[in-house]
Amino acid sequence: MRSLNLLSIAVTLRSTTVRAAPSAYLGTRGMGKKSNTTNQVNPRVDKLQQVLNSDSSGGWDRCWEEGLTPWDLGKPTPILLHLHKTGALRKGRALVPGCGSGYDVTAIACPERYVVGLEISDKAIKKAVDLSSTSPNAKYFTFLKADFFSWSPTELFDLIFDYTFFCAIEPEMRSEWAHQIQKFLKPEGELITLMFPISHHVGGPPFKVSIADYEEVLHPMGFKAISIVDNQLAVGPRRGREKLGRWKRSLSQSLL
């Protein structure tokens, strides 16, 4: 494993929140377009795209039913777990949109942090509930079925963690994603984005992302990056294709 020198710089800036378990979550308004890519060789990704392009209403449920979930690590996201264990995640209320199987949700839930896992898929929610049924932290998290783009939380969040959600929605919906993030997050809260996949492929999901893609939609919402570093705890083929971004709103924007 490579040195975590760059990561340690980011860790000193204490932050918070959740999406934990890599899961593609979005409403039908954000369904992916047909992929024209020729460099995505993962057959599960190809099949995933076929299902989503042919089923505009229940595509994500069908993906979970057929096991077409290449985003699902089957465990908590290593970098998120590292931040949690080192005390580098903000306490309070955390949100993980597109929480999938819920591994990230349960991993960072604790007496000082209540975590909400949001999902559009009934089958993903059922799996998350089943997997977490014996968790000792059960009273510190919950799973909700809702469309991120139309959902209105009863309380704002101190932390939001986005992993394989931003890349699952159509690029033209990213401005609305940022608007929702601003609505859900407390003025002093923090957004953590695990940027993936940083590549040059065409089509999706997953759609390619870049630092500039995040800046383009987050800057107008008043968010500035505290740090953006390579994710040195990325797994397998994701190594070299992920960056950890930590964002906060500027004071002037928070006062508007």
Protein backbone atom coordinates (compact mmCIF):
# COMPACT_ATOMS: atom_id res chain seq x y z
CA MET A 1 0.00 0.00 0.00
CA ARG A 2 1.36 3.41 -0.89
CA SER A 3 2.06 6.10 1.68
CA LEU A 4 -0.89 8.09 3.01
CA ASN A 5 1.07 11.35 3.28
CA LEU A 6 -1.29 13.29 1.02
CA LEU A 7 -4.30 11.69 2.65
CA SER A 8 -3.10 12.66 6.12
CA ILE A 9 -3.17 16.29 5.08
CA ALA A 10 -6.84 15.98 4.25
CA VAL A 11 -7.58 13.99 7.38
CA THR A 12 -6.43 16.84 9.61
CA LEU A 13 -9.36 18.84 8.27
CA ARG A 14 -12.07 17.16 10.30
CA SER A 15 -15.19 16.51 8.29
CA THR A 16 -18.39 14.44 8.19
CA THR A 17 -21.09 12.39 6.49
CA VAL A 18 -21.96 9.38 4.51
CA ARG A 19 -22.96 7.39 1.16
CA ALA A 20 -21.16 4.79 1.95
CA ALA A 21 -21.71 1.52 0.29
CA PRO A 22 -21.04 2.25 -3.34
CA SER A 23 -24.49 2.23 -4.83
CA ALA A 24 -25.98 3.81 -7.89
CA TYR A 25 -29.10 5.54 -6.72
CA LEU A 26 -31.28 7.93 -8.63
CA GLY A 27 -34.84 8.54 -9.69
CA THR A 28 -36.18 7.77 -13.14
CA ARG A 29 -35.51 11.35 -14.21
CA GLY A 30 -31.81 10.57 -13.89
CA MET A 31 -31.71 7.31 -15.82
CA GLY A 32 -28.60 6.75 -17.86
CA LYS A 33 -28.43 7.20 -21.58
CA LYS A 34 -27.33 4.53 -24.00
CA SER A 35 -23.60 4.01 -23.85
CA ASN A 36 -21.40 4.40 -26.92
CA THR A 37 -18.28 3.38 -25.09
CA THR A 38 -15.99 0.75 -26.50
CA ASN A 39 -13.43 0.66 -23.65
CA GLN A 40 -15.61 -0.64 -20.81
CA VAL A 41 -14.88 -4.36 -20.92
CA ASN A 42 -16.71 -5.36 -17.74
CA PRO A 43 -19.63 -7.48 -19.04
CA ARG A 44 -21.68 -6.66 -15.95
CA VAL A 45 -21.40 -2.96 -16.77
CA ASP A 46 -22.51 -3.65 -20.34
CA LYS A 47 -25.49 -5.66 -19.10
CA LEU A 48 -26.28 -2.99 -16.51
CA GLN A 49 -26.47 -0.34 -19.22
CA GLN A 50 -28.70 -2.56 -21.37
CA VAL A 51 -31.14 -3.04 -18.48
CA LEU A 52 -31.29 0.65 -17.60
CA ASN A 53 -31.74 1.70 -21.21
CA SER A 54 -34.60 -0.77 -21.74
CA ASP A 55 -36.46 -0.19 -18.46
CA SER A 56 -37.19 3.42 -17.60
CA SER A 57 -39.17 2.67 -14.44
CA GLY A 58 -37.82 -0.39 -12.63
CA GLY A 59 -34.32 -0.63 -14.03
CA TRP A 60 -32.46 -0.26 -10.76
CA ASP A 61 -34.64 -2.85 -9.01
CA ARG A 62 -34.01 -5.24 -11.87
CA CYS A 63 -30.26 -4.66 -11.58
CA TRP A 64 -30.36 -5.61 -7.91
CA GLU A 65 -32.56 -8.61 -8.64
CA GLU A 66 -30.19 -9.90 -11.33
CA GLY A 67 -27.01 -9.10 -9.40
CA LEU A 68 -25.93 -6.43 -11.86
CA THR A 69 -24.34 -4.26 -9.18
CA PRO A 70 -20.67 -3.72 -10.18
CA TRP A 71 -20.57 -0.63 -7.95
CA ASP A 72 -21.17 -2.73 -4.81
CA LEU A 73 -17.91 -3.56 -3.01
CA GLY A 74 -19.57 -5.99 -0.63
CA LYS A 75 -17.97 -4.11 2.26
CA PRO A 76 -17.57 -0.53 3.52
CA THR A 77 -15.61 1.84 1.32
CA PRO A 78 -12.03 1.61 2.67
CA ILE A 79 -11.28 5.33 2.62
CA LEU A 80 -14.54 6.18 4.39
CA LEU A 81 -13.86 3.57 7.04
CA HIS A 82 -10.34 4.95 7.48
CA LEU A 83 -11.65 8.49 7.99
CA HIS A 84 -14.19 7.20 10.51
CA LYS A 85 -11.65 5.17 12.50
CA THR A 86 -9.17 8.05 12.60
CA GLY A 87 -11.79 10.50 13.84
CA ALA A 88 -11.71 12.54 10.64
CA LEU A 89 -15.46 12.47 9.91
CA ARG A 90 -17.75 15.19 11.13
CA LYS A 91 -20.16 14.17 13.84
CA GLY A 92 -23.91 14.85 13.77
CA ARG A 93 -26.36 13.80 11.04
CA ALA A 94 -24.94 12.19 7.90
CA LEU A 95 -26.51 11.32 4.55
CA VAL A 96 -25.43 8.70 2.03
CA PRO A 97 -27.43 9.09 -1.20
CA GLY A 98 -27.56 5.92 -3.28
CA CYS A 99 -26.57 3.86 -0.27
CA GLY A 100 -27.14 0.49 -1.96
CA SER A 101 -26.43 -2.42 0.38
CA GLY A 102 -25.78 0.04 3.20
CA TYR A 103 -22.28 -1.08 4.17
CA ASP A 104 -21.03 2.52 4.46
CA VAL A 105 -24.09 3.57 6.43
CA THR A 106 -23.67 0.96 9.13
CA ALA A 107 -19.88 1.33 9.21
CA ILE A 108 -19.84 5.00 10.22
CA ALA A 109 -23.00 5.04 12.35
CA CYS A 110 -22.23 5.62 16.02
CA PRO A 111 -23.60 7.46 19.06
CA GLU A 112 -22.05 10.71 17.81
CA ARG A 113 -23.25 10.29 14.22
CA TYR A 114 -26.74 9.35 12.99
CA VAL A 115 -26.67 8.17 9.38
CA VAL A 116 -29.46 8.13 6.80
CA GLY A 117 -29.06 5.84 3.79
CA LEU A 118 -31.20 6.97 0.84
CA GLU A 119 -32.14 4.63 -2.01
CA ILE A 120 -34.58 4.52 -4.92
CA SER A 121 -34.62 0.73 -5.19
CA ASP A 122 -36.93 -1.37 -2.99
CA LYS A 123 -34.69 -4.39 -3.43
CA ALA A 124 -31.58 -2.46 -2.40
CA ILE A 125 -33.36 -1.18 0.69
CA LYS A 126 -34.46 -4.71 1.58
CA LYS A 127 -30.90 -6.00 1.20
CA ALA A 128 -29.53 -3.17 3.31
CA VAL A 129 -32.07 -3.82 6.06
CA ASP A 130 -31.38 -7.57 5.99
CA LEU A 131 -27.60 -7.12 6.13
CA SER A 132 -27.79 -4.64 9.00
CA SER A 133 -30.44 -6.43 11.07
CA THR A 134 -27.93 -7.59 13.69
CA SER A 135 -25.75 -4.47 13.71
CA PRO A 136 -24.90 -3.22 17.21
CA ASN A 137 -25.30 0.32 15.85
CA ALA A 138 -28.88 -0.24 14.64
CA LYS A 139 -30.33 2.70 16.56
CA TYR A 140 -27.87 5.10 14.93
CA PHE A 141 -28.90 4.65 11.29
CA THR A 142 -31.93 4.24 9.06
CA PHE A 143 -32.67 3.44 5.42
CA LEU A 144 -35.22 5.41 3.43
CA LYS A 145 -36.70 4.76 -0.01
CA ALA A 146 -36.92 8.10 -1.79
CA ASP A 147 -35.94 9.94 -4.94
CA PHE A 148 -32.99 12.18 -4.11
CA PHE A 149 -34.24 14.81 -6.54
CA SER A 150 -37.69 15.19 -4.99
CA TRP A 151 -37.01 14.23 -1.37
CA SER A 152 -37.30 16.81 1.43
CA PRO A 153 -35.61 15.79 4.70
CA THR A 154 -37.16 16.84 7.99
CA GLU A 155 -33.71 17.82 9.31
CA LEU A 156 -30.57 19.07 7.60
CA PHE A 157 -27.27 17.20 7.61
CA ASP A 158 -23.82 17.90 8.96
CA LEU A 159 -22.20 15.54 6.47
CA ILE A 160 -22.99 14.11 3.03
CA PHE A 161 -20.93 11.36 1.40
CA ASP A 162 -21.29 10.78 -2.35
CA TYR A 163 -19.53 7.91 -4.07
CA THR A 164 -21.03 6.10 -7.08
CA PHE A 165 -24.07 8.35 -7.24
CA PHE A 166 -22.81 11.43 -9.05
CA CYS A 167 -21.46 9.21 -11.85
CA ALA A 168 -24.78 7.32 -12.13
CA ILE A 169 -26.94 10.30 -13.01
CA GLU A 170 -27.02 11.85 -16.45
CA PRO A 171 -24.48 14.69 -16.70
CA GLU A 172 -27.19 17.26 -17.43
CA MET A 173 -28.67 16.53 -14.00
CA ARG A 174 -25.51 17.35 -12.09
CA SER A 175 -26.49 20.97 -11.50
CA GLU A 176 -29.69 19.77 -9.86
CA TRP A 177 -27.63 17.32 -7.80
CA ALA A 178 -25.56 20.24 -6.49
CA HIS A 179 -28.69 22.24 -5.75
CA GLN A 180 -30.08 19.37 -3.68
CA ILE A 181 -26.78 18.98 -1.84
CA GLN A 182 -26.92 22.66 -0.89
CA LYS A 183 -30.52 22.27 0.31
CA PHE A 184 -29.76 19.20 2.43
CA LEU A 185 -26.51 20.37 4.05
CA LYS A 186 -26.22 22.69 7.04
CA PRO A 187 -24.36 25.95 6.24
CA GLU A 188 -21.37 24.73 8.27
CA GLY A 189 -21.63 21.16 7.02
CA GLU A 190 -19.26 19.22 4.77
CA LEU A 191 -19.65 17.33 1.50
CA ILE A 192 -17.28 14.45 0.77
CA THR A 193 -17.12 13.27 -2.83
CA LEU A 194 -15.23 10.17 -3.89
CA MET A 195 -14.76 11.08 -7.55
CA PHE A 196 -15.05 8.03 -9.80
CA PRO A 197 -14.51 7.08 -12.60
CA ILE A 198 -11.92 9.61 -13.71
CA SER A 199 -11.52 8.42 -17.29
CA HIS A 200 -12.23 9.29 -20.93
CA HIS A 201 -14.88 6.73 -21.80
CA VAL A 202 -18.13 7.69 -23.54
CA GLY A 203 -21.60 6.99 -22.23
CA GLY A 204 -22.78 5.39 -19.03
CA PRO A 205 -23.67 4.79 -16.34
CA PRO A 206 -21.18 5.10 -14.91
CA PHE A 207 -20.51 8.40 -16.67
CA LYS A 208 -16.96 9.72 -16.62
CA VAL A 209 -16.16 12.46 -14.09
CA SER A 210 -13.42 15.00 -13.51
CA ILE A 211 -12.54 17.55 -10.86
CA ALA A 212 -13.79 20.23 -13.24
CA ASP A 213 -17.20 18.50 -13.45
CA TYR A 214 -17.64 18.85 -9.69
CA GLU A 215 -16.32 22.41 -9.60
CA GLU A 216 -18.65 23.45 -12.42
CA VAL A 217 -21.77 22.60 -10.42
CA LEU A 218 -20.57 23.10 -6.84
CA HIS A 219 -18.92 26.50 -7.18
CA PRO A 220 -22.19 28.26 -8.13
CA MET A 221 -23.69 26.76 -4.95
CA GLY A 222 -20.94 28.39 -2.90
CA PHE A 223 -18.88 25.24 -2.29
CA LYS A 224 -15.09 25.34 -2.34
CA ALA A 225 -12.77 22.37 -2.04
CA ILE A 226 -10.86 22.08 1.23
CA SER A 227 -8.74 19.37 -0.33
CA ILE A 228 -8.69 17.08 -3.36
CA VAL A 229 -6.24 14.17 -3.21
CA ASP A 230 -5.79 10.79 -4.84
CA ASN A 231 -7.66 8.02 -3.06
CA GLN A 232 -4.76 5.84 -2.01
CA LEU A 233 -7.13 3.28 -0.51
CA ALA A 234 -9.04 2.71 -3.75
CA VAL A 235 -9.77 -0.94 -4.49
CA GLY A 236 -8.59 -3.05 -7.43
CA PRO A 237 -9.09 -1.52 -10.88
CA ARG A 238 -10.38 1.70 -9.33
CA ARG A 239 -6.87 2.64 -8.24
CA GLY A 240 -5.65 5.71 -10.05
CA ARG A 241 -9.20 6.56 -11.14
CA GLU A 242 -10.51 8.06 -7.88
CA LYS A 243 -9.94 11.28 -5.99
CA LEU A 244 -11.18 12.23 -2.54
CA GLY A 245 -12.75 15.68 -2.48
CA ARG A 246 -13.82 17.53 0.67
CA TRP A 247 -16.02 20.59 0.23
CA LYS A 248 -17.45 23.36 2.38
CA ARG A 249 -19.50 26.42 1.59
CA SER A 250 -17.82 29.80 1.85
CA LEU A 251 -18.90 31.98 4.78
CA SER A 252 -20.35 34.66 2.48
CA GLN A 253 -22.49 32.10 0.68
CA SER A 254 -23.68 30.60 3.97
CA LEU A 255 -24.94 33.99 5.11
CA LEU A 256 -27.03 34.57 1.98
